[in-house]
């Protein structure tokens, strides 16, 4: 299914921060959490609605990507990080994932 660009502002379900959407925004710039609302990017067809925790951040082809895991159903999704994202937190997510990997967790 093709991506559907929908410009939406939203209040973060995790930290409450106001976020101004640009049609590609799918997570909070302050805490990096998201909500499970899509089956395919932009379709708003998921019925779960659970909060999605940022569980990994990786650099791929000179772009930061976030990996979210739904706290309700466990689905994992990757998305591009945004220039508005908290870079220190993005690096912290990557560091925590690396630590889990190194300790076998």
N, C-alpha and C. Protein backbone atom coordinates (compact mmCIF):
# COMPACT_ATOMS: atom_id res chain seq x y z
N UNK A 1 0.85 -1.18 0.00
CA UNK A 1 0.00 0.00 0.00
C UNK A 1 0.89 1.25 0.00
N UNK A 2 0.48 2.27 -0.67
CA UNK A 2 1.26 3.51 -0.79
C UNK A 2 1.13 4.36 0.47
N UNK A 3 2.19 5.07 0.76
CA UNK A 3 2.21 5.99 1.91
C UNK A 3 1.17 7.08 1.71
N UNK A 4 0.47 7.40 2.79
CA UNK A 4 -0.50 8.50 2.77
C UNK A 4 0.01 9.61 3.68
N UNK A 5 0.27 10.76 3.11
CA UNK A 5 0.76 11.89 3.88
C UNK A 5 -0.44 12.65 4.46
N UNK A 6 -0.47 12.71 5.80
CA UNK A 6 -1.53 13.41 6.51
C UNK A 6 -0.88 14.35 7.51
N UNK A 7 -1.13 15.64 7.37
CA UNK A 7 -0.56 16.62 8.30
C UNK A 7 -1.46 16.69 9.53
N UNK A 8 -0.88 16.31 10.68
CA UNK A 8 -1.64 16.29 11.93
C UNK A 8 -0.77 16.82 13.07
N UNK A 9 -1.33 17.69 13.88
CA UNK A 9 -0.70 18.07 15.14
C UNK A 9 -1.25 17.11 16.19
N UNK A 10 -0.44 16.84 17.22
CA UNK A 10 -0.91 15.91 18.25
C UNK A 10 -0.21 16.17 19.58
N UNK A 11 -0.88 15.78 20.64
CA UNK A 11 -0.28 15.79 21.98
C UNK A 11 0.25 14.39 22.23
N UNK A 12 1.49 14.30 22.69
CA UNK A 12 2.11 13.01 22.93
C UNK A 12 1.36 12.24 24.02
N UNK A 13 1.06 10.99 23.74
CA UNK A 13 0.39 10.13 24.71
C UNK A 13 1.29 9.69 25.85
N UNK A 14 2.59 9.90 25.72
CA UNK A 14 3.54 9.50 26.75
C UNK A 14 3.92 10.66 27.66
N UNK A 15 4.36 11.79 27.06
CA UNK A 15 4.83 12.92 27.87
C UNK A 15 3.92 14.14 27.81
N UNK A 16 2.94 14.14 26.90
CA UNK A 16 1.99 15.25 26.79
C UNK A 16 2.45 16.43 25.97
N UNK A 17 3.67 16.39 25.43
CA UNK A 17 4.19 17.51 24.64
C UNK A 17 3.36 17.74 23.38
N UNK A 18 3.18 19.00 23.03
CA UNK A 18 2.51 19.36 21.78
C UNK A 18 3.49 19.17 20.64
N UNK A 19 3.04 18.50 19.58
CA UNK A 19 3.86 18.25 18.40
C UNK A 19 3.14 18.78 17.18
N UNK A 20 3.87 19.48 16.33
CA UNK A 20 3.32 20.02 15.10
C UNK A 20 3.74 19.13 13.95
N UNK A 21 2.76 18.49 13.33
CA UNK A 21 3.04 17.54 12.27
C UNK A 21 3.35 18.22 10.95
N UNK A 22 4.10 17.51 10.11
CA UNK A 22 4.42 18.01 8.78
C UNK A 22 3.99 17.02 7.69
N UNK A 23 3.24 16.01 8.09
CA UNK A 23 2.81 14.99 7.15
C UNK A 23 3.70 13.76 7.20
N UNK A 24 4.84 13.87 7.84
CA UNK A 24 5.76 12.75 8.00
C UNK A 24 5.99 12.45 9.48
N UNK A 25 5.56 13.35 10.36
CA UNK A 25 5.77 13.21 11.79
C UNK A 25 4.94 12.05 12.33
N UNK A 26 5.61 11.10 12.99
CA UNK A 26 4.84 10.01 13.58
C UNK A 26 5.26 9.71 15.02
N UNK A 27 6.11 10.58 15.58
CA UNK A 27 6.52 10.38 16.97
C UNK A 27 6.81 11.74 17.60
N UNK A 28 6.87 11.73 18.92
CA UNK A 28 7.09 12.96 19.68
C UNK A 28 8.56 13.37 19.59
N UNK A 29 8.81 14.62 19.26
CA UNK A 29 10.18 15.12 19.14
C UNK A 29 10.86 15.23 20.51
N UNK A 30 10.08 15.35 21.57
CA UNK A 30 10.67 15.51 22.90
C UNK A 30 11.05 14.17 23.55
N UNK A 31 10.16 13.17 23.49
CA UNK A 31 10.44 11.91 24.18
C UNK A 31 10.64 10.73 23.22
N UNK A 32 10.35 10.92 21.94
CA UNK A 32 10.52 9.94 20.86
C UNK A 32 9.48 8.81 20.86
N UNK A 33 8.50 8.86 21.76
CA UNK A 33 7.45 7.84 21.78
C UNK A 33 6.46 8.10 20.65
N UNK A 34 5.71 7.07 20.28
CA UNK A 34 4.74 7.14 19.20
C UNK A 34 3.46 6.45 19.66
N UNK A 35 2.51 6.35 18.75
CA UNK A 35 1.27 5.61 19.02
C UNK A 35 1.02 4.69 17.83
N UNK A 36 0.55 3.49 18.12
CA UNK A 36 0.28 2.49 17.08
C UNK A 36 -1.05 2.80 16.40
N UNK A 37 -0.99 3.59 15.34
CA UNK A 37 -2.20 3.99 14.63
C UNK A 37 -2.23 3.52 13.17
N UNK A 38 -1.08 3.08 12.64
CA UNK A 38 -1.01 2.70 11.23
C UNK A 38 -0.74 1.21 11.05
N UNK A 39 -1.38 0.63 10.03
CA UNK A 39 -1.01 -0.68 9.53
C UNK A 39 0.09 -0.47 8.51
N UNK A 40 -0.17 0.40 7.54
CA UNK A 40 0.82 0.86 6.58
C UNK A 40 1.03 2.34 6.84
N UNK A 41 2.24 2.85 6.64
CA UNK A 41 2.52 4.25 6.99
C UNK A 41 1.49 5.24 6.46
N UNK A 42 0.88 5.97 7.41
CA UNK A 42 -0.07 7.03 7.07
C UNK A 42 -1.50 6.61 6.92
N UNK A 43 -1.83 5.31 7.00
CA UNK A 43 -3.21 4.90 6.71
C UNK A 43 -4.17 5.02 7.89
N UNK A 44 -3.66 5.15 9.11
CA UNK A 44 -4.46 5.27 10.33
C UNK A 44 -5.46 4.12 10.48
N UNK A 45 -5.07 2.93 10.00
CA UNK A 45 -5.97 1.77 9.99
C UNK A 45 -5.77 0.80 11.16
N UNK A 46 -4.76 1.02 11.99
CA UNK A 46 -4.54 0.11 13.12
C UNK A 46 -5.61 0.35 14.19
N UNK A 47 -6.09 -0.72 14.76
CA UNK A 47 -7.10 -0.61 15.82
C UNK A 47 -6.48 -0.69 17.21
N UNK A 48 -5.20 -0.99 17.30
CA UNK A 48 -4.52 -1.17 18.58
C UNK A 48 -4.48 0.13 19.38
N UNK A 49 -3.85 1.16 18.85
CA UNK A 49 -3.76 2.45 19.54
C UNK A 49 -2.80 2.50 20.71
N UNK A 50 -2.02 1.42 20.92
CA UNK A 50 -1.08 1.39 22.04
C UNK A 50 0.07 2.37 21.87
N UNK A 51 0.70 2.72 22.98
CA UNK A 51 1.88 3.57 22.92
C UNK A 51 3.05 2.74 22.41
N UNK A 52 3.90 3.40 21.63
CA UNK A 52 5.05 2.71 21.04
C UNK A 52 6.33 3.30 21.62
N UNK A 53 7.07 2.45 22.31
CA UNK A 53 8.31 2.84 22.97
C UNK A 53 9.47 2.85 21.98
N UNK A 54 10.32 3.87 22.05
CA UNK A 54 11.53 3.85 21.20
C UNK A 54 12.52 2.86 21.80
N UNK A 55 12.78 1.75 21.10
CA UNK A 55 13.63 0.69 21.64
C UNK A 55 15.00 0.62 20.96
N UNK A 56 15.16 1.32 19.85
CA UNK A 56 16.46 1.32 19.18
C UNK A 56 16.56 2.56 18.30
N UNK A 57 17.78 2.98 18.09
CA UNK A 57 18.09 4.07 17.16
C UNK A 57 19.35 3.65 16.44
N UNK A 58 19.32 3.74 15.12
CA UNK A 58 20.47 3.30 14.35
C UNK A 58 20.73 4.25 13.21
N UNK A 59 21.96 4.27 12.80
CA UNK A 59 22.39 5.11 11.69
C UNK A 59 22.47 4.22 10.46
N UNK A 60 21.71 4.58 9.43
CA UNK A 60 21.68 3.80 8.20
C UNK A 60 21.74 4.75 7.01
N UNK A 61 22.78 4.60 6.20
CA UNK A 61 22.97 5.48 5.03
C UNK A 61 22.94 6.95 5.42
N UNK A 62 23.67 7.30 6.46
CA UNK A 62 23.77 8.68 6.95
C UNK A 62 22.45 9.25 7.45
N UNK A 63 21.50 8.40 7.83
CA UNK A 63 20.21 8.83 8.38
C UNK A 63 19.95 8.09 9.66
N UNK A 64 19.46 8.81 10.67
CA UNK A 64 19.03 8.16 11.90
C UNK A 64 17.65 7.57 11.73
N UNK A 65 17.49 6.34 12.19
CA UNK A 65 16.20 5.66 12.20
C UNK A 65 15.86 5.30 13.63
N UNK A 66 14.60 5.36 13.94
CA UNK A 66 14.09 4.91 15.23
C UNK A 66 13.34 3.61 15.04
N UNK A 67 13.42 2.75 16.02
CA UNK A 67 12.62 1.53 16.04
C UNK A 67 11.70 1.64 17.26
N UNK A 68 10.41 1.50 17.01
CA UNK A 68 9.41 1.54 18.08
C UNK A 68 8.82 0.15 18.27
N UNK A 69 8.48 -0.17 19.52
CA UNK A 69 7.77 -1.41 19.83
C UNK A 69 6.50 -1.04 20.58
N UNK A 70 5.38 -1.55 20.09
CA UNK A 70 4.09 -1.26 20.71
C UNK A 70 4.01 -1.94 22.08
N UNK A 71 3.65 -1.17 23.09
CA UNK A 71 3.56 -1.70 24.45
C UNK A 71 2.31 -2.56 24.65
N UNK A 72 1.38 -2.53 23.69
CA UNK A 72 0.16 -3.34 23.79
C UNK A 72 0.27 -4.65 23.02
N UNK A 73 0.64 -4.57 21.73
CA UNK A 73 0.62 -5.77 20.89
C UNK A 73 2.01 -6.25 20.47
N UNK A 74 3.05 -5.46 20.73
CA UNK A 74 4.41 -5.89 20.44
C UNK A 74 4.91 -5.63 19.03
N UNK A 75 4.06 -5.10 18.15
CA UNK A 75 4.52 -4.84 16.78
C UNK A 75 5.69 -3.86 16.79
N UNK A 76 6.62 -4.05 15.87
CA UNK A 76 7.78 -3.17 15.74
C UNK A 76 7.70 -2.44 14.41
N UNK A 77 8.07 -1.16 14.45
CA UNK A 77 8.09 -0.33 13.25
C UNK A 77 9.35 0.53 13.25
N UNK A 78 9.89 0.76 12.06
CA UNK A 78 11.02 1.66 11.88
C UNK A 78 10.52 2.95 11.24
N UNK A 79 11.15 4.06 11.61
CA UNK A 79 10.81 5.33 10.98
C UNK A 79 12.04 6.23 11.02
N UNK A 80 12.04 7.20 10.15
CA UNK A 80 13.14 8.15 10.12
C UNK A 80 13.05 9.10 11.31
N UNK A 81 14.21 9.42 11.86
CA UNK A 81 14.27 10.46 12.88
C UNK A 81 14.07 11.80 12.18
N UNK A 82 13.64 12.77 12.95
CA UNK A 82 13.38 14.10 12.42
C UNK A 82 14.44 15.08 12.92
N UNK A 83 14.65 16.15 12.19
CA UNK A 83 15.58 17.20 12.62
C UNK A 83 15.13 17.83 13.94
N UNK A 84 13.84 17.75 14.24
CA UNK A 84 13.30 18.32 15.47
C UNK A 84 13.49 17.40 16.68
N UNK A 85 13.87 16.15 16.45
CA UNK A 85 14.00 15.19 17.55
C UNK A 85 15.11 15.58 18.51
N UNK A 86 14.91 15.24 19.78
CA UNK A 86 15.91 15.45 20.81
C UNK A 86 17.10 14.53 20.51
N UNK A 87 18.19 15.11 20.03
CA UNK A 87 19.37 14.32 19.61
C UNK A 87 20.03 13.60 20.78
N UNK A 88 20.07 14.23 21.95
CA UNK A 88 20.66 13.57 23.11
C UNK A 88 19.86 12.31 23.46
N UNK A 89 18.54 12.41 23.39
CA UNK A 89 17.69 11.25 23.69
C UNK A 89 17.84 10.18 22.62
N UNK A 90 17.94 10.58 21.37
CA UNK A 90 18.16 9.64 20.28
C UNK A 90 19.43 8.83 20.53
N UNK A 91 20.52 9.50 20.92
CA UNK A 91 21.77 8.81 21.22
C UNK A 91 21.64 7.94 22.46
N UNK A 92 20.85 8.38 23.44
CA UNK A 92 20.62 7.58 24.63
C UNK A 92 19.89 6.28 24.30
N UNK A 93 18.90 6.35 23.41
CA UNK A 93 18.18 5.15 22.98
C UNK A 93 19.16 4.18 22.30
N UNK A 94 20.02 4.70 21.45
CA UNK A 94 21.02 3.85 20.77
C UNK A 94 21.98 3.24 21.80
N UNK A 95 22.40 4.02 22.79
CA UNK A 95 23.32 3.53 23.82
C UNK A 95 22.67 2.41 24.64
N UNK A 96 21.41 2.60 25.04
CA UNK A 96 20.72 1.57 25.83
C UNK A 96 20.59 0.28 25.04
N UNK A 97 20.29 0.39 23.75
CA UNK A 97 20.17 -0.81 22.91
C UNK A 97 21.52 -1.52 22.79
N UNK A 98 22.58 -0.75 22.62
CA UNK A 98 23.92 -1.34 22.54
C UNK A 98 24.28 -2.06 23.84
N UNK A 99 23.93 -1.46 24.98
CA UNK A 99 24.20 -2.10 26.27
C UNK A 99 23.43 -3.42 26.41
N UNK A 100 22.15 -3.42 25.98
CA UNK A 100 21.37 -4.66 26.04
C UNK A 100 22.00 -5.72 25.15
N UNK A 101 22.47 -5.32 23.99
CA UNK A 101 23.11 -6.25 23.06
C UNK A 101 24.38 -6.83 23.69
N UNK A 102 25.19 -5.98 24.30
CA UNK A 102 26.47 -6.41 24.86
C UNK A 102 26.28 -7.32 26.07
N UNK A 103 25.17 -7.17 26.79
CA UNK A 103 24.93 -8.01 27.96
C UNK A 103 24.03 -9.20 27.65
N UNK A 104 23.63 -9.32 26.37
CA UNK A 104 22.80 -10.45 25.98
C UNK A 104 21.33 -10.28 26.30
N UNK A 105 20.91 -9.04 26.61
CA UNK A 105 19.51 -8.80 26.99
C UNK A 105 18.62 -8.34 25.91
